[in-house]
């Protein structure tokens, strides 16, 4: 039987990944700084391997964040998460998961550089329209 990663370990790992990507650091560079292989960094980021306290301290120093950063927004228990749409926590986890991807971070950075609120609104409208096209089962926003 294959063991699934604990939600806390997955969350901490996703926060490591998010911060590493924000700093434009590769898994290999983080591994070198910690004396690890990039494969070990991958396992930490996926939550497959737990990060011990001393290693978490090392990672926090390398990524210039306090250790508490990795627990921000973490699930409060190991109980299974409620079905999507019934919990604010599950929707915020979706955001954390998205921002842990390279695409999410690049999109967020680029969007944040747009100063004109009218252009930002038009981009949001465009993305919503494209999303509605790809998933016709979802009602359009604002209906």
Protein backbone atom coordinates (compact mmCIF):
# COMPACT_ATOMS: atom_id res chain seq x y z
CA UNK A 1 0.00 0.00 0.00
CA UNK A 2 1.34 3.41 -1.01
CA UNK A 3 1.38 6.01 1.75
CA UNK A 4 0.10 9.47 0.84
CA UNK A 5 1.93 12.55 2.16
CA UNK A 6 0.51 14.28 5.22
CA UNK A 7 -1.34 17.51 4.31
CA UNK A 8 0.97 19.56 6.56
CA UNK A 9 4.07 18.10 4.88
CA UNK A 10 2.57 18.87 1.46
CA UNK A 11 1.74 22.42 2.54
CA UNK A 12 5.21 23.10 3.96
CA UNK A 13 6.77 21.64 0.81
CA UNK A 14 4.59 23.78 -1.45
CA UNK A 15 5.62 26.88 0.52
CA UNK A 16 9.30 25.91 0.08
CA UNK A 17 8.68 25.57 -3.67
CA UNK A 18 6.79 28.86 -3.87
CA UNK A 19 9.52 30.83 -2.11
CA UNK A 20 12.27 29.10 -4.10
CA UNK A 21 10.56 30.00 -7.38
CA UNK A 22 9.93 33.57 -6.20
CA UNK A 23 13.67 33.87 -5.64
CA UNK A 24 14.37 32.42 -9.11
CA UNK A 25 16.33 29.60 -7.50
CA UNK A 26 16.51 26.13 -9.02
CA UNK A 27 16.04 22.95 -7.01
CA UNK A 28 19.67 22.20 -7.77
CA UNK A 29 20.87 25.54 -6.32
CA UNK A 30 18.75 25.11 -3.18
CA UNK A 31 20.08 21.56 -2.83
CA UNK A 32 23.68 22.78 -3.14
CA UNK A 33 23.09 25.42 -0.46
CA UNK A 34 21.68 22.74 1.85
CA UNK A 35 24.14 19.97 0.96
CA UNK A 36 21.40 17.90 -0.71
CA UNK A 37 20.59 16.56 -4.15
CA UNK A 38 17.88 18.22 -6.21
CA UNK A 39 15.94 14.95 -5.91
CA UNK A 40 15.80 15.39 -2.13
CA UNK A 41 14.56 18.96 -2.60
CA UNK A 42 11.87 17.58 -4.95
CA UNK A 43 10.76 15.10 -2.30
CA UNK A 44 10.57 17.87 0.31
CA UNK A 45 8.54 20.08 -2.03
CA UNK A 46 6.07 17.31 -2.81
CA UNK A 47 5.73 16.43 0.87
CA UNK A 48 6.96 12.89 0.16
CA UNK A 49 9.73 13.36 2.70
CA UNK A 50 9.19 15.30 5.90
CA UNK A 51 11.43 18.26 6.65
CA UNK A 52 13.01 18.08 10.09
CA UNK A 53 13.24 21.13 12.33
CA UNK A 54 16.96 21.79 11.79
CA UNK A 55 16.59 21.36 8.02
CA UNK A 56 13.59 23.71 8.01
CA UNK A 57 15.71 26.29 9.84
CA UNK A 58 18.43 25.87 7.19
CA UNK A 59 15.87 26.25 4.38
CA UNK A 60 14.36 29.35 5.99
CA UNK A 61 17.78 31.01 6.19
CA UNK A 62 18.61 30.07 2.60
CA UNK A 63 15.26 31.38 1.31
CA UNK A 64 15.31 34.49 3.57
CA UNK A 65 12.00 33.82 5.35
CA UNK A 66 11.20 32.96 8.97
CA UNK A 67 10.38 29.30 9.69
CA UNK A 68 6.78 30.32 10.45
CA UNK A 69 6.38 31.31 6.77
CA UNK A 70 6.15 27.63 5.80
CA UNK A 71 3.12 27.09 8.06
CA UNK A 72 1.08 30.14 7.00
CA UNK A 73 -2.29 28.92 5.74
CA UNK A 74 -1.53 25.32 6.70
CA UNK A 75 -4.41 22.90 7.25
CA UNK A 76 -5.41 22.88 10.91
CA UNK A 77 -5.76 19.11 11.19
CA UNK A 78 -4.87 15.90 9.41
CA UNK A 79 -8.57 15.17 8.88
CA UNK A 80 -9.67 14.87 5.25
CA UNK A 81 -10.55 18.21 3.69
CA UNK A 82 -14.22 18.98 3.05
CA UNK A 83 -15.55 18.79 -0.49
CA UNK A 84 -14.61 21.69 -2.74
CA UNK A 85 -17.00 24.59 -2.51
CA UNK A 86 -17.95 23.95 1.11
CA UNK A 87 -14.90 25.34 2.81
CA UNK A 88 -12.95 28.56 2.64
CA UNK A 89 -9.85 26.56 3.55
CA UNK A 90 -10.15 24.32 0.47
CA UNK A 91 -10.46 27.35 -1.82
CA UNK A 92 -7.46 29.03 -0.21
CA UNK A 93 -5.49 25.81 -0.65
CA UNK A 94 -6.28 26.00 -4.37
CA UNK A 95 -4.73 29.48 -4.44
CA UNK A 96 -1.64 28.28 -2.56
CA UNK A 97 -1.32 25.32 -4.94
CA UNK A 98 -1.66 27.60 -7.97
CA UNK A 99 0.89 30.09 -6.64
CA UNK A 100 3.28 27.20 -6.02
CA UNK A 101 3.49 26.60 -9.77
CA UNK A 102 5.88 28.47 -12.03
CA UNK A 103 2.95 29.64 -14.18
CA UNK A 104 1.05 30.96 -11.18
CA UNK A 105 4.03 32.92 -9.94
CA UNK A 106 4.88 34.33 -13.38
CA UNK A 107 1.27 35.34 -13.97
CA UNK A 108 1.04 36.94 -10.54
CA UNK A 109 4.29 38.88 -10.98
CA UNK A 110 3.33 40.14 -14.44
CA UNK A 111 -0.19 41.11 -13.35
CA UNK A 112 1.17 42.99 -10.32
CA UNK A 113 3.34 45.12 -12.64
CA UNK A 114 0.26 46.43 -14.49
CA UNK A 115 -0.53 49.80 -12.88
CA UNK A 116 -3.65 50.82 -14.82
CA UNK A 117 -6.75 49.47 -13.00
CA UNK A 118 -8.80 49.55 -16.23
CA UNK A 119 -6.31 47.28 -17.98
CA UNK A 120 -6.24 44.94 -14.98
CA UNK A 121 -10.04 44.73 -15.08
CA UNK A 122 -10.00 43.99 -18.83
CA UNK A 123 -7.47 41.21 -18.27
CA UNK A 124 -9.67 39.69 -15.54
CA UNK A 125 -12.67 39.85 -17.89
CA UNK A 126 -10.63 38.18 -20.65
CA UNK A 127 -9.43 35.37 -18.37
CA UNK A 128 -12.98 34.80 -17.07
CA UNK A 129 -14.31 34.65 -20.66
CA UNK A 130 -11.61 32.18 -21.69
CA UNK A 131 -12.29 30.05 -18.62
CA UNK A 132 -16.03 30.03 -19.42
CA UNK A 133 -15.24 28.87 -22.96
CA UNK A 134 -13.15 25.96 -21.73
CA UNK A 135 -15.72 24.87 -19.11
CA UNK A 136 -19.26 25.46 -20.40
CA UNK A 137 -20.73 23.71 -17.31
CA UNK A 138 -19.69 26.64 -15.10
CA UNK A 139 -22.03 29.66 -15.12
CA UNK A 140 -20.35 32.95 -16.12
CA UNK A 141 -19.17 35.13 -13.23
CA UNK A 142 -21.69 37.71 -12.13
CA UNK A 143 -24.78 35.67 -13.06
